[in-house]
């Protein structure tokens, strides 16, 4: 965790400098004065997580006495490491070369295939109010799709400073709390120590990354960041057996994704959209709904439906919605599991 906390900001700063040097910058369209911002900052987050996981593997290999390091399962750490690296590469390639919408969706199936091939899941799917269901035939087919949905849902909500990492922080915290209380009722495929260490590395890296992206952002996350976060959420939900909880808690983000897809009628790279969901009043530094008929419907546009908001106010409104959804979902989950 310490390695992830330290290496993440160092990696982000290095990525920031490289982005500026090679012209990998984008306009911050939601500011009164548009400025050039490094566009692949999320790569630094992914590198921080990778280095944090490598540190855990070294602790286990050399039998260091850091928080039950002997209980870490190398397979679980290696599978997670592979998923983070693959998600980061897919995102980085998209950041650099702009993959088409369909191509990106197809590539985001790959991390799920890693989970299936490595047998890193429990075929007994827990569904609230129903219980454990034997899904040994269907579940391996669903897992890659689940990864694609999670990764692209986070990608589509990454529209304003700090929105994606704050939302993911809330969701990861919700999953970790639920896993701590449900680990005995729903035994996972990997040890408690293994999964909690992955949770903590992911959250530690997020905590040190957030200052770079919250309003006013110093770097943009890029797809390398958002796709990595989606893959981490999917991996931990599946290995912790909290799939249904993640669906409930992230309903605002999932709804945002499907609303955009429904309004634009298909998979389109966001840079190729004819209209954005919201527009900026440059004079008053306020964000308001895009009145055009072909503007996509999203959480951002719904948040300013009642009136214009400043960017940080819009982000706070959406994050508060995710917090509320997560809190209610966690209560429901504990009641159902306890009953």
C-alpha atoms as a PDB file:
ATOM      1  CA  UNK A   1       0.000   0.000   0.000  1.00  0.00           C
ATOM      2  CA  UNK A   2       2.828   2.368   0.865  1.00  0.00           C
ATOM      3  CA  UNK A   3       4.512   1.632  -2.466  1.00  0.00           C
ATOM      4  CA  UNK A   4       1.269   2.375  -4.349  1.00  0.00           C
ATOM      5  CA  UNK A   5       0.745   5.597  -2.392  1.00  0.00           C
ATOM      6  CA  UNK A   6       4.240   6.868  -3.164  1.00  0.00           C
ATOM      7  CA  UNK A   7       4.696   5.537  -6.706  1.00  0.00           C
ATOM      8  CA  UNK A   8       1.347   6.792  -8.033  1.00  0.00           C
ATOM      9  CA  UNK A   9       2.006  10.560  -7.750  1.00  0.00           C
ATOM     10  CA  UNK A  10       5.578  10.045  -8.981  1.00  0.00           C
ATOM     11  CA  UNK A  11       4.248   8.133 -11.998  1.00  0.00           C
ATOM     12  CA  UNK A  12       1.560  10.735 -12.679  1.00  0.00           C
ATOM     13  CA  UNK A  13       4.117  13.560 -12.619  1.00  0.00           C
ATOM     14  CA  UNK A  14       6.357  11.654 -15.049  1.00  0.00           C
ATOM     15  CA  UNK A  15       3.396  10.911 -17.332  1.00  0.00           C
ATOM     16  CA  UNK A  16       2.355  14.558 -17.119  1.00  0.00           C
ATOM     17  CA  UNK A  17       5.782  15.745 -18.253  1.00  0.00           C
ATOM     18  CA  UNK A  18       5.933  13.191 -21.070  1.00  0.00           C
ATOM     19  CA  UNK A  19       2.415  14.144 -22.209  1.00  0.00           C
ATOM     20  CA  UNK A  20       3.376  17.798 -22.472  1.00  0.00           C
ATOM     21  CA  UNK A  21       6.644  16.980 -24.204  1.00  0.00           C
ATOM     22  CA  UNK A  22       4.988  14.829 -26.874  1.00  0.00           C
ATOM     23  CA  UNK A  23       1.882  16.978 -27.275  1.00  0.00           C
ATOM     24  CA  UNK A  24      -0.531  14.511 -25.669  1.00  0.00           C
ATOM     25  CA  UNK A  25      -2.793  17.240 -24.321  1.00  0.00           C
ATOM     26  CA  UNK A  26      -6.475  18.138 -24.618  1.00  0.00           C
ATOM     27  CA  UNK A  27      -8.602  21.233 -24.116  1.00  0.00           C
ATOM     28  CA  UNK A  28     -10.553  21.494 -20.880  1.00  0.00           C
ATOM     29  CA  UNK A  29     -13.832  22.311 -22.598  1.00  0.00           C
ATOM     30  CA  UNK A  30     -15.713  22.973 -19.349  1.00  0.00           C
ATOM     31  CA  UNK A  31     -13.593  25.923 -18.268  1.00  0.00           C
ATOM     32  CA  UNK A  32     -14.056  29.615 -19.092  1.00  0.00           C
ATOM     33  CA  UNK A  33     -10.463  29.771 -20.269  1.00  0.00           C
ATOM     34  CA  UNK A  34      -9.665  26.613 -22.144  1.00  0.00           C
ATOM     35  CA  UNK A  35      -6.241  25.259 -21.249  1.00  0.00           C
ATOM     36  CA  UNK A  36      -4.142  22.370 -22.506  1.00  0.00           C
ATOM     37  CA  UNK A  37      -4.223  19.481 -20.010  1.00  0.00           C
ATOM     38  CA  UNK A  38      -2.139  16.249 -20.227  1.00  0.00           C
ATOM     39  CA  UNK A  39      -4.626  13.652 -21.438  1.00  0.00           C
ATOM     40  CA  UNK A  40      -3.203  10.311 -20.231  1.00  0.00           C
ATOM     41  CA  UNK A  41      -2.782  10.938 -16.495  1.00  0.00           C
ATOM     42  CA  UNK A  42      -4.648   7.730 -15.641  1.00  0.00           C
ATOM     43  CA  UNK A  43      -1.654   5.790 -16.932  1.00  0.00           C
ATOM     44  CA  UNK A  44       0.209   7.000 -13.841  1.00  0.00           C
ATOM     45  CA  UNK A  45      -2.517   5.542 -11.614  1.00  0.00           C
ATOM     46  CA  UNK A  46      -2.287   2.154 -13.349  1.00  0.00           C
ATOM     47  CA  UNK A  47       1.508   2.138 -13.007  1.00  0.00           C
ATOM     48  CA  UNK A  48       1.156   2.905  -9.295  1.00  0.00           C
ATOM     49  CA  UNK A  49      -1.185  -0.065  -8.834  1.00  0.00           C
ATOM     50  CA  UNK A  50       1.129  -2.350 -10.834  1.00  0.00           C
ATOM     51  CA  UNK A  51       4.110  -1.376  -8.663  1.00  0.00           C
ATOM     52  CA  UNK A  52       2.005  -1.851  -5.510  1.00  0.00           C
ATOM     53  CA  UNK A  53       1.022  -5.385  -6.549  1.00  0.00           C
ATOM     54  CA  UNK A  54       4.609  -6.256  -7.500  1.00  0.00           C
ATOM     55  CA  UNK A  55       5.628  -5.127  -4.000  1.00  0.00           C
ATOM     56  CA  UNK A  56       3.049  -7.521  -2.495  1.00  0.00           C
ATOM     57  CA  UNK A  57       4.404 -10.379  -4.608  1.00  0.00           C
ATOM     58  CA  UNK A  58       7.926  -9.629  -3.416  1.00  0.00           C
ATOM     59  CA  UNK A  59       6.724  -9.579   0.187  1.00  0.00           C
ATOM     60  CA  UNK A  60       5.262 -13.037  -0.252  1.00  0.00           C
ATOM     61  CA  UNK A  61       8.281 -14.400  -2.126  1.00  0.00           C
ATOM     62  CA  UNK A  62      10.761 -13.180   0.501  1.00  0.00           C
ATOM     63  CA  UNK A  63       8.346 -14.061   3.322  1.00  0.00           C
ATOM     64  CA  UNK A  64       8.344 -10.585   4.780  1.00  0.00           C
ATOM     65  CA  UNK A  65       6.145 -10.161   7.838  1.00  0.00           C
ATOM     66  CA  UNK A  66       3.941  -7.346   6.544  1.00  0.00           C
ATOM     67  CA  UNK A  67       0.262  -7.935   7.443  1.00  0.00           C
ATOM     68  CA  UNK A  68      -0.011 -11.684   6.868  1.00  0.00           C
ATOM     69  CA  UNK A  69       2.082 -11.549   3.698  1.00  0.00           C
ATOM     70  CA  UNK A  70       2.432 -15.339   3.891  1.00  0.00           C
ATOM     71  CA  UNK A  71      -1.334 -15.587   3.307  1.00  0.00           C
ATOM     72  CA  UNK A  72      -1.209 -13.743  -0.006  1.00  0.00           C
ATOM     73  CA  UNK A  73      -2.004 -15.988  -2.964  1.00  0.00           C
ATOM     74  CA  UNK A  74       0.373 -15.341  -5.847  1.00  0.00           C
ATOM     75  CA  UNK A  75      -2.163 -16.513  -8.434  1.00  0.00           C
ATOM     76  CA  UNK A  76      -4.741 -13.937  -7.366  1.00  0.00           C
ATOM     77  CA  UNK A  77      -2.182 -11.126  -7.382  1.00  0.00           C
ATOM     78  CA  UNK A  78      -0.821 -12.173 -10.781  1.00  0.00           C
ATOM     79  CA  UNK A  79      -4.279 -12.415 -12.364  1.00  0.00           C
ATOM     80  CA  UNK A  80      -5.149  -8.957 -11.029  1.00  0.00           C
ATOM     81  CA  UNK A  81      -1.802  -7.625 -12.252  1.00  0.00           C
ATOM     82  CA  UNK A  82      -2.462  -9.004 -15.750  1.00  0.00           C
ATOM     83  CA  UNK A  83      -5.934  -7.462 -15.841  1.00  0.00           C
ATOM     84  CA  UNK A  84      -4.692  -4.013 -14.803  1.00  0.00           C
ATOM     85  CA  UNK A  85      -1.882  -4.090 -17.374  1.00  0.00           C
ATOM     86  CA  UNK A  86      -4.193  -5.245 -20.186  1.00  0.00           C
ATOM     87  CA  UNK A  87      -6.847  -2.628 -19.316  1.00  0.00           C
ATOM     88  CA  UNK A  88      -4.201   0.099 -19.174  1.00  0.00           C
ATOM     89  CA  UNK A  89      -2.764  -0.915 -22.559  1.00  0.00           C
ATOM     90  CA  UNK A  90      -6.215  -0.975 -24.193  1.00  0.00           C
ATOM     91  CA  UNK A  91      -6.951   2.465 -22.783  1.00  0.00           C
ATOM     92  CA  UNK A  92      -3.579   3.886 -23.713  1.00  0.00           C
ATOM     93  CA  UNK A  93      -3.862   2.610 -27.286  1.00  0.00           C
ATOM     94  CA  UNK A  94      -7.291   4.245 -27.507  1.00  0.00           C
ATOM     95  CA  UNK A  95      -5.885   7.483 -26.081  1.00  0.00           C
ATOM     96  CA  UNK A  96      -3.108   7.525 -28.662  1.00  0.00           C
ATOM     97  CA  UNK A  97      -4.842   6.169 -31.750  1.00  0.00           C
ATOM     98  CA  UNK A  98      -8.599   6.618 -31.100  1.00  0.00           C
ATOM     99  CA  UNK A  99     -10.063   3.151 -31.518  1.00  0.00           C
ATOM    100  CA  UNK A 100     -13.608   3.032 -32.815  1.00  0.00           C
ATOM    101  CA  UNK A 101     -16.441   2.498 -30.371  1.00  0.00           C
ATOM    102  CA  UNK A 102     -17.104  -1.095 -31.438  1.00  0.00           C
ATOM    103  CA  UNK A 103     -13.406  -1.998 -31.430  1.00  0.00           C
ATOM    104  CA  UNK A 104     -12.943  -0.643 -27.921  1.00  0.00           C
ATOM    105  CA  UNK A 105     -15.968  -2.552 -26.619  1.00  0.00           C
ATOM    106  CA  UNK A 106     -14.650  -5.758 -28.198  1.00  0.00           C
ATOM    107  CA  UNK A 107     -11.193  -5.293 -26.643  1.00  0.00           C
ATOM    108  CA  UNK A 108     -12.671  -4.740 -23.181  1.00  0.00           C
ATOM    109  CA  UNK A 109     -13.867  -8.338 -23.251  1.00  0.00           C
ATOM    110  CA  UNK A 110     -10.240  -9.488 -22.881  1.00  0.00           C
ATOM    111  CA  UNK A 111      -9.791  -8.841 -19.112  1.00  0.00           C
ATOM    112  CA  UNK A 112     -12.920 -10.921 -18.483  1.00  0.00           C
ATOM    113  CA  UNK A 113     -11.469 -13.752 -20.539  1.00  0.00           C
ATOM    114  CA  UNK A 114      -8.400 -13.677 -18.273  1.00  0.00           C
ATOM    115  CA  UNK A 115     -10.658 -14.242 -15.259  1.00  0.00           C
ATOM    116  CA  UNK A 116     -12.437 -17.139 -16.980  1.00  0.00           C
ATOM    117  CA  UNK A 117      -9.250 -18.806 -18.230  1.00  0.00           C
ATOM    118  CA  UNK A 118      -7.554 -18.494 -14.825  1.00  0.00           C
ATOM    119  CA  UNK A 119     -10.672 -19.884 -13.101  1.00  0.00           C
ATOM    120  CA  UNK A 120     -10.784 -16.840 -10.821  1.00  0.00           C
ATOM    121  CA  UNK A 121     -14.500 -16.982 -10.104  1.00  0.00           C
ATOM    122  CA  UNK A 122     -17.080 -18.976  -8.182  1.00  0.00           C
ATOM    123  CA  UNK A 123     -19.817 -20.434 -10.378  1.00  0.00           C
ATOM    124  CA  UNK A 124     -22.297 -20.080  -7.500  1.00  0.00           C
ATOM    125  CA  UNK A 125     -23.762 -16.647  -8.169  1.00  0.00           C
ATOM    126  CA  UNK A 126     -25.424 -14.941  -5.183  1.00  0.00           C
ATOM    127  CA  UNK A 127     -28.616 -13.094  -6.107  1.00  0.00           C
ATOM    128  CA  UNK A 128     -30.428 -11.072  -3.403  1.00  0.00           C
ATOM    129  CA  UNK A 129     -33.815 -12.511  -2.305  1.00  0.00           C
ATOM    130  CA  UNK A 130     -33.065 -15.691  -4.252  1.00  0.00           C
ATOM    131  CA  UNK A 131     -29.808 -16.978  -2.805  1.00  0.00           C
ATOM    132  CA  UNK A 132     -26.961 -18.854  -4.450  1.00  0.00           C
ATOM    133  CA  UNK A 133     -27.623 -20.017  -7.977  1.00  0.00           C
ATOM    134  CA  UNK A 134     -25.552 -22.615  -9.852  1.00  0.00           C
ATOM    135  CA  UNK A 135     -24.445 -20.764 -12.987  1.00  0.00           C
ATOM    136  CA  UNK A 136     -21.532 -22.971 -14.029  1.00  0.00           C
ATOM    137  CA  UNK A 137     -22.526 -22.919 -17.705  1.00  0.00           C
ATOM    138  CA  UNK A 138     -23.797 -19.361 -18.142  1.00  0.00           C
ATOM    139  CA  UNK A 139     -21.487 -17.413 -15.823  1.00  0.00           C
ATOM    140  CA  UNK A 140     -18.216 -17.933 -17.768  1.00  0.00           C
ATOM    141  CA  UNK A 141     -19.994 -16.443 -20.799  1.00  0.00           C
ATOM    142  CA  UNK A 142     -21.290 -13.491 -18.792  1.00  0.00           C
ATOM    143  CA  UNK A 143     -17.982 -12.523 -17.142  1.00  0.00           C
ATOM    144  CA  UNK A 144     -16.324 -10.987 -20.254  1.00  0.00           C
ATOM    145  CA  UNK A 145     -19.510  -9.017 -20.952  1.00  0.00           C
ATOM    146  CA  UNK A 146     -19.573  -7.842 -17.331  1.00  0.00           C
ATOM    147  CA  UNK A 147     -16.027  -6.515 -17.708  1.00  0.00           C
ATOM    148  CA  UNK A 148     -16.928  -4.736 -20.947  1.00  0.00           C
ATOM    149  CA  UNK A 149     -19.974  -3.130 -19.302  1.00  0.00           C
ATOM    150  CA  UNK A 150     -18.047  -2.015 -16.198  1.00  0.00           C
ATOM    151  CA  UNK A 151     -15.077  -0.651 -18.136  1.00  0.00           C
ATOM    152  CA  UNK A 152     -17.146   1.268 -20.672  1.00  0.00           C
ATOM    153  CA  UNK A 153     -19.603   2.522 -18.034  1.00  0.00           C
ATOM    154  CA  UNK A 154     -16.754   4.137 -16.065  1.00  0.00           C
ATOM    155  CA  UNK A 155     -15.313   5.454 -19.324  1.00  0.00           C
ATOM    156  CA  UNK A 156     -18.603   7.141 -20.225  1.00  0.00           C
ATOM    157  CA  UNK A 157     -18.990   8.800 -16.821  1.00  0.00           C
ATOM    158  CA  UNK A 158     -15.478  10.261 -17.011  1.00  0.00           C
ATOM    159  CA  UNK A 159     -16.626  13.653 -18.281  1.00  0.00           C
ATOM    160  CA  UNK A 160     -15.723  16.201 -15.602  1.00  0.00           C
ATOM    161  CA  UNK A 161     -12.849  16.865 -13.229  1.00  0.00           C
ATOM    162  CA  UNK A 162     -12.670  14.218 -10.506  1.00  0.00           C
ATOM    163  CA  UNK A 163     -15.989  12.566 -11.335  1.00  0.00           C
ATOM    164  CA  UNK A 164     -14.710   9.119 -12.353  1.00  0.00           C
ATOM    165  CA  UNK A 165     -12.048   8.595  -9.641  1.00  0.00           C
ATOM    166  CA  UNK A 166     -14.347   9.882  -6.888  1.00  0.00           C
ATOM    167  CA  UNK A 167     -17.170   7.597  -8.017  1.00  0.00           C
ATOM    168  CA  UNK A 168     -14.823   4.605  -8.232  1.00  0.00           C
ATOM    169  CA  UNK A 169     -13.449   5.382  -4.763  1.00  0.00           C
ATOM    170  CA  UNK A 170     -16.981   5.277  -3.362  1.00  0.00           C
ATOM    171  CA  UNK A 171     -17.768   1.989  -5.133  1.00  0.00           C
ATOM    172  CA  UNK A 172     -14.500   0.298  -4.137  1.00  0.00           C
ATOM    173  CA  UNK A 173     -14.989   1.345  -0.514  1.00  0.00           C
ATOM    174  CA  UNK A 174     -18.534  -0.045  -0.597  1.00  0.00           C
ATOM    175  CA  UNK A 175     -17.306  -3.374  -1.991  1.00  0.00           C
ATOM    176  CA  UNK A 176     -14.511  -3.641   0.573  1.00  0.00           C
ATOM    177  CA  UNK A 177     -16.854  -2.963   3.513  1.00  0.00           C
ATOM    178  CA  UNK A 178     -19.366  -5.516   2.208  1.00  0.00           C
ATOM    179  CA  UNK A 179     -16.633  -8.091   1.597  1.00  0.00           C
ATOM    180  CA  UNK A 180     -15.335  -7.693   5.142  1.00  0.00           C
ATOM    181  CA  UNK A 181     -18.767  -8.550   6.541  1.00  0.00           C
ATOM    182  CA  UNK A 182     -19.751 -11.229   4.016  1.00  0.00           C
ATOM    183  CA  UNK A 183     -16.489 -13.183   3.612  1.00  0.00           C
ATOM    184  CA  UNK A 184     -17.741 -16.000   5.866  1.00  0.00           C
ATOM    185  CA  UNK A 185     -21.185 -16.274   4.244  1.00  0.00           C
ATOM    186  CA  UNK A 186     -19.815 -16.045   0.703  1.00  0.00           C
ATOM    187  CA  UNK A 187     -16.334 -17.632   0.629  1.00  0.00           C
ATOM    188  CA  UNK A 188     -14.303 -16.173  -2.245  1.00  0.00           C
ATOM    189  CA  UNK A 189     -11.944 -17.899  -4.645  1.00  0.00           C
ATOM    190  CA  UNK A 190      -8.927 -16.158  -3.110  1.00  0.00           C
ATOM    191  CA  UNK A 191      -7.917 -15.629   0.508  1.00  0.00           C
ATOM    192  CA  UNK A 192      -9.239 -12.699   2.513  1.00  0.00           C
ATOM    193  CA  UNK A 193      -5.715 -11.310   2.824  1.00  0.00           C
ATOM    194  CA  UNK A 194      -5.185 -11.442  -0.940  1.00  0.00           C
ATOM    195  CA  UNK A 195      -8.347  -9.559  -1.855  1.00  0.00           C
ATOM    196  CA  UNK A 196      -8.128  -7.008   0.950  1.00  0.00           C
ATOM    197  CA  UNK A 197      -4.551  -6.208  -0.071  1.00  0.00           C
ATOM    198  CA  UNK A 198      -5.786  -5.613  -3.650  1.00  0.00           C
ATOM    199  CA  UNK A 199      -8.590  -3.378  -2.357  1.00  0.00           C
ATOM    200  CA  UNK A 200      -6.142  -1.381  -0.262  1.00  0.00           C
ATOM    201  CA  UNK A 201      -3.563  -0.986  -3.037  1.00  0.00           C
ATOM    202  CA  UNK A 202      -6.289   0.205  -5.444  1.00  0.00           C
ATOM    203  CA  UNK A 203      -7.693   2.687  -2.912  1.00  0.00           C
ATOM    204  CA  UNK A 204      -4.268   3.899  -1.774  1.00  0.00           C
ATOM    205  CA  UNK A 205      -3.335   4.642  -5.370  1.00  0.00           C
ATOM    206  CA  UNK A 206      -6.665   6.451  -5.867  1.00  0.00           C
ATOM    207  CA  UNK A 207      -6.129   8.575  -2.756  1.00  0.00           C
ATOM    208  CA  UNK A 208      -2.761   9.806  -4.042  1.00  0.00           C
ATOM    209  CA  UNK A 209      -4.072  10.221  -7.599  1.00  0.00           C
ATOM    210  CA  UNK A 210      -7.164  12.287  -6.779  1.00  0.00           C
ATOM    211  CA  UNK A 211      -5.337  15.599  -6.121  1.00  0.00           C
ATOM    212  CA  UNK A 212      -4.193  15.534  -9.753  1.00  0.00           C
ATOM    213  CA  UNK A 213      -7.710  15.155 -11.190  1.00  0.00           C
ATOM    214  CA  UNK A 214     -10.198  16.820  -8.868  1.00  0.00           C
ATOM    215  CA  UNK A 215     -11.332  20.334  -9.792  1.00  0.00           C
ATOM    216  CA  UNK A 216      -9.415  22.101 -11.218  1.00  0.00           C
ATOM    217  CA  UNK A 217      -7.680  19.098 -12.743  1.00  0.00           C
ATOM    218  CA  UNK A 218      -3.980  19.010 -13.464  1.00  0.00           C
ATOM    219  CA  UNK A 219      -4.269  15.902 -15.653  1.00  0.00           C
ATOM    220  CA  UNK A 220      -7.072  14.094 -17.454  1.00  0.00           C
ATOM    221  CA  UNK A 221      -7.577  10.410 -16.749  1.00  0.00           C
ATOM    222  CA  UNK A 222      -7.771   9.254 -20.341  1.00  0.00           C
ATOM    223  CA  UNK A 223      -9.128   5.834 -21.234  1.00  0.00           C
ATOM    224  CA  UNK A 224      -6.027   4.313 -19.633  1.00  0.00           C
ATOM    225  CA  UNK A 225      -7.418   5.481 -16.308  1.00  0.00           C
ATOM    226  CA  UNK A 226     -11.151   4.935 -16.753  1.00  0.00           C
ATOM    227  CA  UNK A 227     -10.847   1.476 -18.335  1.00  0.00           C
ATOM    228  CA  UNK A 228      -8.446   0.398 -15.585  1.00  0.00           C
ATOM    229  CA  UNK A 229     -10.914   1.494 -12.900  1.00  0.00           C
ATOM    230  CA  UNK A 230     -13.748  -0.387 -14.568  1.00  0.00           C
ATOM    231  CA  UNK A 231     -11.618  -3.543 -14.791  1.00  0.00           C
ATOM    232  CA  UNK A 232     -10.631  -3.265 -11.111  1.00  0.00           C
ATOM    233  CA  UNK A 233     -14.284  -2.903 -10.067  1.00  0.00           C
ATOM    234  CA  UNK A 234     -15.326  -5.922 -12.147  1.00  0.00           C
ATOM    235  CA  UNK A 235     -12.448  -8.096 -10.909  1.00  0.00           C
ATOM    236  CA  UNK A 236     -13.049  -7.348  -7.234  1.00  0.00           C
ATOM    237  CA  UNK A 237     -16.833  -7.706  -7.491  1.00  0.00           C
ATOM    238  CA  UNK A 238     -16.465 -11.126  -9.156  1.00  0.00           C
ATOM    239  CA  UNK A 239     -13.690 -12.499  -6.933  1.00  0.00           C
ATOM    240  CA  UNK A 240     -15.379 -11.149  -3.778  1.00  0.00           C
ATOM    241  CA  UNK A 241     -18.724 -12.570  -4.972  1.00  0.00           C
ATOM    242  CA  UNK A 242     -20.332  -9.137  -4.749  1.00  0.00           C
ATOM    243  CA  UNK A 243     -21.524  -8.888  -8.343  1.00  0.00           C
ATOM    244  CA  UNK A 244     -25.116  -8.015  -7.453  1.00  0.00           C
ATOM    245  CA  UNK A 245     -23.986  -5.386  -4.949  1.00  0.00           C
ATOM    246  CA  UNK A 246     -21.834  -3.644  -7.554  1.00  0.00           C
ATOM    247  CA  UNK A 247     -24.750  -3.583 -10.001  1.00  0.00           C
ATOM    248  CA  UNK A 248     -27.009  -1.996  -7.354  1.00  0.00           C
ATOM    249  CA  UNK A 249     -24.432   0.490  -6.067  1.00  0.00           C
ATOM    250  CA  UNK A 250     -23.282   1.612  -9.510  1.00  0.00           C
ATOM    251  CA  UNK A 251     -26.786   1.951 -10.946  1.00  0.00           C
ATOM    252  CA  UNK A 252     -26.328   5.723 -11.558  1.00  0.00           C
ATOM    253  CA  UNK A 253     -23.199   5.025 -13.620  1.00  0.00           C
ATOM    254  CA  UNK A 254     -24.796   2.128 -15.496  1.00  0.00           C
ATOM    255  CA  UNK A 255     -27.891   4.228 -16.196  1.00  0.00           C
ATOM    256  CA  UNK A 256     -25.675   7.029 -17.491  1.00  0.00           C
ATOM    257  CA  UNK A 257     -24.012   4.640 -19.941  1.00  0.00           C
ATOM    258  CA  UNK A 258     -27.217   3.144 -21.264  1.00  0.00           C
ATOM    259  CA  UNK A 259     -28.831   6.600 -21.551  1.00  0.00           C
ATOM    260  CA  UNK A 260     -25.969   7.784 -23.732  1.00  0.00           C
ATOM    261  CA  UNK A 261     -26.035   4.622 -25.871  1.00  0.00           C
ATOM    262  CA  UNK A 262     -29.810   4.859 -26.303  1.00  0.00           C
ATOM    263  CA  UNK A 263     -29.715   8.530 -27.285  1.00  0.00           C
ATOM    264  CA  UNK A 264     -26.885   8.171 -29.816  1.00  0.00           C
ATOM    265  CA  UNK A 265     -28.188   4.775 -30.972  1.00  0.00           C
ATOM    266  CA  UNK A 266     -24.975   2.783 -30.869  1.00  0.00           C
ATOM    267  CA  UNK A 267     -21.316   2.637 -29.894  1.00  0.00           C
ATOM    268  CA  UNK A 268     -19.569   5.845 -30.900  1.00  0.00           C
ATOM    269  CA  UNK A 269     -16.219   7.161 -29.691  1.00  0.00           C
ATOM    270  CA  UNK A 270     -17.012  10.189 -27.482  1.00  0.00           C
ATOM    271  CA  UNK A 271     -14.586  12.364 -29.442  1.00  0.00           C
ATOM    272  CA  UNK A 272     -16.733  11.729 -32.518  1.00  0.00           C
ATOM    273  CA  UNK A 273     -20.023  12.879 -31.002  1.00  0.00           C
ATOM    274  CA  UNK A 274     -21.686  15.669 -32.966  1.00  0.00           C
ATOM    275  CA  UNK A 275     -23.040  17.253 -29.798  1.00  0.00           C
ATOM    276  CA  UNK A 276     -22.119  17.060 -26.109  1.00  0.00           C
ATOM    277  CA  UNK A 277     -24.768  16.510 -23.406  1.00  0.00           C
ATOM    278  CA  UNK A 278     -23.974  19.881 -21.818  1.00  0.00           C
ATOM    279  CA  UNK A 279     -22.587  23.255 -22.841  1.00  0.00           C
ATOM    280  CA  UNK A 280     -20.592  25.889 -20.977  1.00  0.00           C
ATOM    281  CA  UNK A 281     -21.622  29.491 -20.397  1.00  0.00           C
ATOM    282  CA  UNK A 282     -18.124  30.955 -20.723  1.00  0.00           C
ATOM    283  CA  UNK A 283     -19.207  34.334 -19.402  1.00  0.00           C
ATOM    284  CA  UNK A 284     -20.555  33.044 -16.097  1.00  0.00           C
ATOM    285  CA  UNK A 285     -18.548  29.796 -15.878  1.00  0.00           C
ATOM    286  CA  UNK A 286     -21.728  27.713 -15.651  1.00  0.00           C
ATOM    287  CA  UNK A 287     -22.686  24.396 -17.242  1.00  0.00           C
ATOM    288  CA  UNK A 288     -26.159  24.018 -18.725  1.00  0.00           C
ATOM    289  CA  UNK A 289     -28.151  21.483 -20.761  1.00  0.00           C
ATOM    290  CA  UNK A 290     -27.416  21.309 -24.463  1.00  0.00           C
ATOM    291  CA  UNK A 291     -30.815  22.227 -26.001  1.00  0.00           C
ATOM    292  CA  UNK A 292     -30.173  20.515 -29.352  1.00  0.00           C
ATOM    293  CA  UNK A 293     -32.309  17.485 -30.167  1.00  0.00           C
ATOM    294  CA  UNK A 294     -29.314  15.318 -31.072  1.00  0.00           C
ATOM    295  CA  UNK A 295     -27.490  15.982 -27.799  1.00  0.00           C
ATOM    296  CA  UNK A 296     -26.965  12.745 -25.800  1.00  0.00           C
ATOM    297  CA  UNK A 297     -28.840  12.263 -22.541  1.00  0.00           C
ATOM    298  CA  UNK A 298     -26.524  11.731 -19.565  1.00  0.00           C
ATOM    299  CA  UNK A 299     -26.224  12.165 -15.806  1.00  0.00           C
ATOM    300  CA  UNK A 300     -24.493  15.468 -16.423  1.00  0.00           C
ATOM    301  CA  UNK A 301     -27.391  16.838 -18.483  1.00  0.00           C
ATOM    302  CA  UNK A 302     -29.944  15.541 -15.964  1.00  0.00           C
ATOM    303  CA  UNK A 303     -27.985  17.172 -13.116  1.00  0.00           C
ATOM    304  CA  UNK A 304     -28.313  20.608 -14.709  1.00  0.00           C
ATOM    305  CA  UNK A 305     -31.862  20.101 -15.951  1.00  0.00           C
ATOM    306  CA  UNK A 306     -33.230  22.241 -13.127  1.00  0.00           C
ATOM    307  CA  UNK A 307     -30.690  24.991 -13.718  1.00  0.00           C
ATOM    308  CA  UNK A 308     -27.037  25.692 -14.566  1.00  0.00           C
ATOM    309  CA  UNK A 309     -24.279  24.575 -12.178  1.00  0.00           C
ATOM    310  CA  UNK A 310     -20.575  25.200 -11.829  1.00  0.00           C
ATOM    311  CA  UNK A 311     -18.432  22.204 -12.740  1.00  0.00           C
ATOM    312  CA  UNK A 312     -17.506  21.285  -9.171  1.00  0.00           C
ATOM    313  CA  UNK A 313     -21.173  21.576  -8.144  1.00  0.00           C
ATOM    314  CA  UNK A 314     -22.194  19.215 -10.961  1.00  0.00           C
ATOM    315  CA  UNK A 315     -19.515  16.705  -9.928  1.00  0.00           C
ATOM    316  CA  UNK A 316     -20.588  16.885  -6.280  1.00  0.00           C
ATOM    317  CA  UNK A 317     -24.219  16.264  -7.255  1.00  0.00           C
ATOM    318  CA  UNK A 318     -23.380  13.121  -9.252  1.00  0.00           C
ATOM    319  CA  UNK A 319     -20.920  11.772  -6.664  1.00  0.00           C
ATOM    320  CA  UNK A 320     -23.538  12.332  -3.955  1.00  0.00           C
ATOM    321  CA  UNK A 321     -25.949  10.257  -6.045  1.00  0.00           C
ATOM    322  CA  UNK A 322     -23.359   7.447  -6.218  1.00  0.00           C
ATOM    323  CA  UNK A 323     -22.780   7.705  -2.452  1.00  0.00           C
ATOM    324  CA  UNK A 324     -26.527   7.479  -1.801  1.00  0.00           C
ATOM    325  CA  UNK A 325     -26.927   4.537  -4.160  1.00  0.00           C
ATOM    326  CA  UNK A 326     -23.963   2.752  -2.563  1.00  0.00           C
ATOM    327  CA  UNK A 327     -25.179   3.373   0.985  1.00  0.00           C
ATOM    328  CA  UNK A 328     -28.693   2.086   0.293  1.00  0.00           C
ATOM    329  CA  UNK A 329     -27.324  -0.889  -1.625  1.00  0.00           C
ATOM    330  CA  UNK A 330     -24.971  -1.768   1.226  1.00  0.00           C
ATOM    331  CA  UNK A 331     -27.827  -1.707   3.746  1.00  0.00           C
ATOM    332  CA  UNK A 332     -30.030  -3.846   1.510  1.00  0.00           C
ATOM    333  CA  UNK A 333     -27.146  -6.255   0.932  1.00  0.00           C
ATOM    334  CA  UNK A 334     -26.460  -6.695   4.643  1.00  0.00           C
ATOM    335  CA  UNK A 335     -30.174  -7.160   5.430  1.00  0.00           C
ATOM    336  CA  UNK A 336     -30.572  -9.782   2.696  1.00  0.00           C
ATOM    337  CA  UNK A 337     -27.359 -11.582   3.631  1.00  0.00           C
ATOM    338  CA  UNK A 338     -28.201 -11.452   7.326  1.00  0.00           C
ATOM    339  CA  UNK A 339     -31.698 -12.735   6.698  1.00  0.00           C
END
